[in-house]
Each structure stands twice: as C-alpha cells, then as structure tokens.
Amino acid sequence: MIASGLGYKEKEFELKEGTTIKELLEIMKFPIKTEWIVVSVNGRVKDKSSILIDNDEVLILPVGGGG
C-alpha cells in the first residue's frame, strides 16, 4: 500500500546535512498520516525528529491494526 501510494518501492535521496525523518517524509510527499507509520533507520526504530546521516537506510512500515 505504501509503495503503490508513492509510486516506487525503493529510492535514494540526496539530503542536506541535518535532515530529520519528518523532513524526509515531507520531501517524499508521503501519502499516509505519519502517525500511522513506524520508521526504522539502519534496523532500529527511530523517532521522526531523528537526524539522518549519510548512507542511512530508512524503512517505512505501517503500524498494525485490527479489529
């Protein structure tokens, strides 16, 4: 669902130094409310205010739900 909303499954971005995860999501024009996702950087869940550094691998995962 996330990949189809963005139009790609994987993409590299050139970011300015000090870019946060929240800013990356804005650059990506992320189509889902950010409260509904978890972001992993290099295999560790991070807060959206975390600063990204060169060569970080960012995974965006939907938060599970159910009923």
PDB file of N, CA and C in Angstrom:
ATOM      1  N   MET A   1       0.814  -1.193   0.000  1.00  0.00           N
ATOM      2  CA  MET A   1       0.000   0.000   0.000  1.00  0.00           C
ATOM      3  C   MET A   1       0.861   1.263   0.000  1.00  0.00           C
ATOM      4  N   ILE A   2       1.897   1.281   0.837  1.00  0.00           N
ATOM      5  CA  ILE A   2       2.754   2.466   0.883  1.00  0.00           C
ATOM      6  C   ILE A   2       3.479   2.652  -0.440  1.00  0.00           C
ATOM      7  N   ALA A   3       4.071   1.575  -0.958  1.00  0.00           N
ATOM      8  CA  ALA A   3       4.816   1.670  -2.217  1.00  0.00           C
ATOM      9  C   ALA A   3       3.920   2.113  -3.364  1.00  0.00           C
ATOM     10  N   SER A   4       2.702   1.580  -3.425  1.00  0.00           N
ATOM     11  CA  SER A   4       1.818   1.967  -4.528  1.00  0.00           C
ATOM     12  C   SER A   4       1.394   3.430  -4.399  1.00  0.00           C
ATOM     13  N   GLY A   5       1.246   3.925  -3.178  1.00  0.00           N
ATOM     14  CA  GLY A   5       0.881   5.335  -2.975  1.00  0.00           C
ATOM     15  C   GLY A   5       1.994   6.282  -3.371  1.00  0.00           C
ATOM     16  N   LEU A   6       3.238   5.840  -3.190  1.00  0.00           N
ATOM     17  CA  LEU A   6       4.391   6.668  -3.550  1.00  0.00           C
ATOM     18  C   LEU A   6       4.783   6.514  -5.010  1.00  0.00           C
ATOM     19  N   GLY A   7       4.492   5.355  -5.587  1.00  0.00           N
ATOM     20  CA  GLY A   7       4.869   5.104  -6.966  1.00  0.00           C
ATOM     21  C   GLY A   7       6.220   4.406  -7.097  1.00  0.00           C
ATOM     22  N   TYR A   8       6.831   3.997  -5.989  1.00  0.00           N
ATOM     23  CA  TYR A   8       8.093   3.267  -6.022  1.00  0.00           C
ATOM     24  C   TYR A   8       8.256   2.469  -4.729  1.00  0.00           C
ATOM     25  N   LYS A   9       9.079   1.421  -4.789  1.00  0.00           N
ATOM     26  CA  LYS A   9       9.371   0.600  -3.614  1.00  0.00           C
ATOM     27  C   LYS A   9      10.677   1.013  -2.954  1.00  0.00           C
ATOM     28  N   GLU A  10      11.592   1.504  -3.758  1.00  0.00           N
ATOM     29  CA  GLU A  10      12.908   1.866  -3.245  1.00  0.00           C
ATOM     30  C   GLU A  10      13.394   3.097  -4.000  1.00  0.00           C
ATOM     31  N   LYS A  11      14.023   4.017  -3.272  1.00  0.00           N
ATOM     32  CA  LYS A  11      14.521   5.228  -3.913  1.00  0.00           C
ATOM     33  C   LYS A  11      15.622   5.835  -3.057  1.00  0.00           C
ATOM     34  N   GLU A  12      16.614   6.408  -3.710  1.00  0.00           N
ATOM     35  CA  GLU A  12      17.679   7.112  -2.999  1.00  0.00           C
ATOM     36  C   GLU A  12      17.415   8.604  -3.064  1.00  0.00           C
ATOM     37  N   PHE A  13      17.707   9.293  -1.958  1.00  0.00           N
ATOM     38  CA  PHE A  13      17.518  10.731  -1.881  1.00  0.00           C
ATOM     39  C   PHE A  13      18.826  11.396  -1.482  1.00  0.00           C
ATOM     40  N   GLU A  14      19.117  12.534  -2.077  1.00  0.00           N
ATOM     41  CA  GLU A  14      20.226  13.383  -1.662  1.00  0.00           C
ATOM     42  C   GLU A  14      19.621  14.390  -0.692  1.00  0.00           C
ATOM     43  N   LEU A  15      20.060  14.352   0.563  1.00  0.00           N
ATOM     44  CA  LEU A  15      19.503  15.215   1.589  1.00  0.00           C
ATOM     45  C   LEU A  15      20.568  16.153   2.126  1.00  0.00           C
ATOM     46  N   LYS A  16      20.144  17.344   2.540  1.00  0.00           N
ATOM     47  CA  LYS A  16      21.102  18.262   3.153  1.00  0.00           C
ATOM     48  C   LYS A  16      21.442  17.766   4.557  1.00  0.00           C
ATOM     49  N   GLU A  17      22.601  18.139   5.029  1.00  0.00           N
ATOM     50  CA  GLU A  17      23.041  17.733   6.359  1.00  0.00           C
ATOM     51  C   GLU A  17      22.043  18.220   7.401  1.00  0.00           C
ATOM     52  N   GLY A  18      21.705  17.350   8.343  1.00  0.00           N
ATOM     53  CA  GLY A  18      20.787  17.718   9.411  1.00  0.00           C
ATOM     54  C   GLY A  18      19.321  17.451   9.119  1.00  0.00           C
ATOM     55  N   THR A  19      19.028  16.791   7.986  1.00  0.00           N
ATOM     56  CA  THR A  19      17.642  16.478   7.635  1.00  0.00           C
ATOM     57  C   THR A  19      17.078  15.453   8.608  1.00  0.00           C
ATOM     58  N   THR A  20      15.862  15.713   9.097  1.00  0.00           N
ATOM     59  CA  THR A  20      15.201  14.778  10.007  1.00  0.00           C
ATOM     60  C   THR A  20      14.327  13.799   9.222  1.00  0.00           C
ATOM     61  N   ILE A  21      13.902  12.751   9.908  1.00  0.00           N
ATOM     62  CA  ILE A  21      12.979  11.797   9.291  1.00  0.00           C
ATOM     63  C   ILE A  21      11.693  12.508   8.890  1.00  0.00           C
ATOM     64  N   LYS A  22      11.187  13.382   9.738  1.00  0.00           N
ATOM     65  CA  LYS A  22       9.962  14.130   9.427  1.00  0.00           C
ATOM     66  C   LYS A  22      10.133  14.933   8.135  1.00  0.00           C
ATOM     67  N   GLU A  23      11.273  15.588   7.980  1.00  0.00           N
ATOM     68  CA  GLU A  23      11.538  16.364   6.761  1.00  0.00           C
ATOM     69  C   GLU A  23      11.627  15.453   5.542  1.00  0.00           C
ATOM     70  N   LEU A  24      12.237  14.274   5.699  1.00  0.00           N
ATOM     71  CA  LEU A  24      12.297  13.318   4.590  1.00  0.00           C
ATOM     72  C   LEU A  24      10.893  12.934   4.151  1.00  0.00           C
ATOM     73  N   LEU A  25      10.007  12.651   5.104  1.00  0.00           N
ATOM     74  CA  LEU A  25       8.629  12.285   4.760  1.00  0.00           C
ATOM     75  C   LEU A  25       7.934  13.417   4.008  1.00  0.00           C
ATOM     76  N   GLU A  26       8.226  14.657   4.376  1.00  0.00           N
ATOM     77  CA  GLU A  26       7.662  15.816   3.661  1.00  0.00           C
ATOM     78  C   GLU A  26       8.221  15.900   2.241  1.00  0.00           C
ATOM     79  N   ILE A  27       9.530  15.676   2.080  1.00  0.00           N
ATOM     80  CA  ILE A  27      10.169  15.693   0.756  1.00  0.00           C
ATOM     81  C   ILE A  27       9.549  14.612  -0.131  1.00  0.00           C
ATOM     82  N   MET A  28       9.261  13.455   0.469  1.00  0.00           N
ATOM     83  CA  MET A  28       8.683  12.334  -0.274  1.00  0.00           C
ATOM     84  C   MET A  28       7.213  12.556  -0.617  1.00  0.00           C
ATOM     85  N   LYS A  29       6.597  13.598  -0.019  1.00  0.00           N
ATOM     86  CA  LYS A  29       5.149  13.818  -0.165  1.00  0.00           C
ATOM     87  C   LYS A  29       4.411  12.552   0.263  1.00  0.00           C
ATOM     88  N   PHE A  30       4.749  12.096   1.471  1.00  0.00           N
ATOM     89  CA  PHE A  30       4.250  10.831   1.980  1.00  0.00           C
ATOM     90  C   PHE A  30       2.726  10.838   2.050  1.00  0.00           C
ATOM     91  N   PRO A  31       2.049   9.837   1.441  1.00  0.00           N
ATOM     92  CA  PRO A  31       0.592   9.862   1.269  1.00  0.00           C
ATOM     93  C   PRO A  31      -0.230   9.381   2.463  1.00  0.00           C
ATOM     94  N   ILE A  32       0.422   8.993   3.553  1.00  0.00           N
ATOM     95  CA  ILE A  32      -0.283   8.445   4.709  1.00  0.00           C
ATOM     96  C   ILE A  32       0.055   9.305   5.925  1.00  0.00           C
ATOM     97  N   LYS A  33      -0.913   9.470   6.832  1.00  0.00           N
ATOM     98  CA  LYS A  33      -0.640  10.215   8.061  1.00  0.00           C
ATOM     99  C   LYS A  33       0.564   9.593   8.763  1.00  0.00           C
ATOM    100  N   THR A  34       1.507  10.427   9.158  1.00  0.00           N
ATOM    101  CA  THR A  34       2.734   9.897   9.756  1.00  0.00           C
ATOM    102  C   THR A  34       2.496   9.242  11.108  1.00  0.00           C
ATOM    103  N   GLU A  35       1.351   9.481  11.720  1.00  0.00           N
ATOM    104  CA  GLU A  35       1.024   8.804  12.979  1.00  0.00           C
ATOM    105  C   GLU A  35       0.761   7.318  12.735  1.00  0.00           C
ATOM    106  N   TRP A  36       0.513   6.925  11.508  1.00  0.00           N
ATOM    107  CA  TRP A  36       0.163   5.547  11.172  1.00  0.00           C
ATOM    108  C   TRP A  36       1.351   4.734  10.697  1.00  0.00           C
ATOM    109  N   ILE A  37       2.551   5.280  10.839  1.00  0.00           N
ATOM    110  CA  ILE A  37       3.752   4.560  10.387  1.00  0.00           C
ATOM    111  C   ILE A  37       4.820   4.530  11.478  1.00  0.00           C
ATOM    112  N   VAL A  38       5.719   3.578  11.335  1.00  0.00           N
ATOM    113  CA  VAL A  38       6.925   3.483  12.157  1.00  0.00           C
ATOM    114  C   VAL A  38       8.095   3.572  11.185  1.00  0.00           C
ATOM    115  N   VAL A  39       9.136   4.280  11.585  1.00  0.00           N
ATOM    116  CA  VAL A  39      10.303   4.436  10.723  1.00  0.00           C
ATOM    117  C   VAL A  39      11.503   3.755  11.370  1.00  0.00           C
ATOM    118  N   SER A  40      12.153   2.909  10.589  1.00  0.00           N
ATOM    119  CA  SER A  40      13.354   2.212  11.024  1.00  0.00           C
ATOM    120  C   SER A  40      14.541   2.786  10.256  1.00  0.00           C
ATOM    121  N   VAL A  41      15.605   3.105  10.982  1.00  0.00           N
ATOM    122  CA  VAL A  41      16.839   3.588  10.360  1.00  0.00           C
ATOM    123  C   VAL A  41      17.943   2.605  10.727  1.00  0.00           C
ATOM    124  N   ASN A  42      18.508   1.991   9.704  1.00  0.00           N
ATOM    125  CA  ASN A  42      19.579   1.003   9.898  1.00  0.00           C
ATOM    126  C   ASN A  42      19.163  -0.094  10.881  1.00  0.00           C
ATOM    127  N   GLY A  43      17.896  -0.524  10.779  1.00  0.00           N
ATOM    128  CA  GLY A  43      17.415  -1.640  11.574  1.00  0.00           C
ATOM    129  C   GLY A  43      16.912  -1.292  12.964  1.00  0.00           C
ATOM    130  N   ARG A  44      16.861  -0.002  13.292  1.00  0.00           N
ATOM    131  CA  ARG A  44      16.374   0.414  14.619  1.00  0.00           C
ATOM    132  C   ARG A  44      15.252   1.426  14.467  1.00  0.00           C
ATOM    133  N   VAL A  45      14.168   1.220  15.213  1.00  0.00           N
ATOM    134  CA  VAL A  45      13.036   2.142  15.168  1.00  0.00           C
ATOM    135  C   VAL A  45      13.490   3.485  15.733  1.00  0.00           C
ATOM    136  N   LYS A  46      13.167   4.558  15.007  1.00  0.00           N
ATOM    137  CA  LYS A  46      13.591   5.906  15.393  1.00  0.00           C
ATOM    138  C   LYS A  46      12.403   6.844  15.457  1.00  0.00           C
ATOM    139  N   ASP A  47      12.552   7.881  16.268  1.00  0.00           N
ATOM    140  CA  ASP A  47      11.579   8.960  16.357  1.00  0.00           C
ATOM    141  C   ASP A  47      11.680   9.808  15.090  1.00  0.00           C
ATOM    142  N   LYS A  48      10.579  10.392  14.691  1.00  0.00           N
ATOM    143  CA  LYS A  48      10.576  11.172  13.448  1.00  0.00           C
ATOM    144  C   LYS A  48      11.394  12.465  13.543  1.00  0.00           C
ATOM    145  N   SER A  49      11.819  12.826  14.741  1.00  0.00           N
ATOM    146  CA  SER A  49      12.684  14.002  14.899  1.00  0.00           C
ATOM    147  C   SER A  49      14.168  13.636  14.781  1.00  0.00           C
ATOM    148  N   SER A  50      14.464  12.355  14.602  1.00  0.00           N
ATOM    149  CA  SER A  50      15.852  11.895  14.474  1.00  0.00           C
ATOM    150  C   SER A  50      16.492  12.449  13.202  1.00  0.00           C
ATOM    151  N   ILE A  51      17.756  12.810  13.317  1.00  0.00           N
ATOM    152  CA  ILE A  51      18.511  13.355  12.185  1.00  0.00           C
ATOM    153  C   ILE A  51      19.144  12.209  11.406  1.00  0.00           C
ATOM    154  N   LEU A  52      19.024  12.280  10.095  1.00  0.00           N
ATOM    155  CA  LEU A  52      19.607  11.269   9.211  1.00  0.00           C
ATOM    156  C   LEU A  52      21.038  11.650   8.855  1.00  0.00           C
ATOM    157  N   ILE A  53      21.880  10.630   8.653  1.00  0.00           N
ATOM    158  CA  ILE A  53      23.248  10.873   8.216  1.00  0.00           C
ATOM    159  C   ILE A  53      23.497  10.111   6.920  1.00  0.00           C
ATOM    160  N   ASP A  54      24.600  10.414   6.292  1.00  0.00           N
ATOM    161  CA  ASP A  54      24.953   9.818   5.008  1.00  0.00           C
ATOM    162  C   ASP A  54      24.901   8.289   5.081  1.00  0.00           C
ATOM    163  N   ASN A  55      24.309   7.692   4.071  1.00  0.00           N
ATOM    164  CA  ASN A  55      24.198   6.232   3.903  1.00  0.00           C
ATOM    165  C   ASN A  55      23.228   5.542   4.858  1.00  0.00           C
ATOM    166  N   ASP A  56      22.378   6.300   5.585  1.00  0.00           N
ATOM    167  CA  ASP A  56      21.342   5.663   6.396  1.00  0.00           C
ATOM    168  C   ASP A  56      20.367   4.933   5.489  1.00  0.00           C
ATOM    169  N   GLU A  57      19.919   3.754   5.934  1.00  0.00           N
ATOM    170  CA  GLU A  57      18.872   3.020   5.223  1.00  0.00           C
ATOM    171  C   GLU A  57      17.587   3.200   6.024  1.00  0.00           C
ATOM    172  N   VAL A  58      16.587   3.799   5.386  1.00  0.00           N
ATOM    173  CA  VAL A  58      15.325   4.114   6.042  1.00  0.00           C
ATOM    174  C   VAL A  58      14.235   3.198   5.515  1.00  0.00           C
ATOM    175  N   LEU A  59      13.544   2.527   6.443  1.00  0.00           N
ATOM    176  CA  LEU A  59      12.400   1.698   6.087  1.00  0.00           C
ATOM    177  C   LEU A  59      11.160   2.315   6.725  1.00  0.00           C
ATOM    178  N   ILE A  60      10.078   2.403   5.959  1.00  0.00           N
ATOM    179  CA  ILE A  60       8.838   2.974   6.446  1.00  0.00           C
ATOM    180  C   ILE A  60       7.818   1.839   6.514  1.00  0.00           C
ATOM    181  N   LEU A  61       7.315   1.609   7.717  1.00  0.00           N
ATOM    182  CA  LEU A  61       6.442   0.462   7.964  1.00  0.00           C
ATOM    183  C   LEU A  61       5.096   0.934   8.492  1.00  0.00           C
ATOM    184  N   PRO A  62       4.007   0.351   7.997  1.00  0.00           N
ATOM    185  CA  PRO A  62       2.686   0.701   8.526  1.00  0.00           C
ATOM    186  C   PRO A  62       2.513   0.128   9.930  1.00  0.00           C
ATOM    187  N   VAL A  63       1.855   0.896  10.783  1.00  0.00           N
ATOM    188  CA  VAL A  63       1.547   0.396  12.123  1.00  0.00           C
ATOM    189  C   VAL A  63       0.401  -0.587  11.982  1.00  0.00           C
ATOM    190  N   GLY A  64       0.543  -1.748  12.605  1.00  0.00           N
ATOM    191  CA  GLY A  64      -0.514  -2.773  12.532  1.00  0.00           C
ATOM    192  C   GLY A  64      -1.766  -2.321  13.274  1.00  0.00           C
ATOM    193  N   GLY A  65      -2.856  -2.807  12.824  1.00  0.00           N
ATOM    194  CA  GLY A  65      -4.120  -2.510  13.461  1.00  0.00           C
ATOM    195  C   GLY A  65      -5.016  -3.720  13.344  1.00  0.00           C
ATOM    196  N   GLY A  66      -6.136  -3.613  13.896  1.00  0.00           N
ATOM    197  CA  GLY A  66      -7.029  -4.757  13.781  1.00  0.00           C
ATOM    198  C   GLY A  66      -8.347  -4.474  14.448  1.00  0.00           C
ATOM    199  N   GLY A  67      -9.160  -5.442  14.397  1.00  0.00           N
ATOM    200  CA  GLY A  67     -10.465  -5.238  14.989  1.00  0.00           C
ATOM    201  C   GLY A  67     -11.131  -6.555  15.274  1.00  0.00           C
TER     202      GLY A  67
END
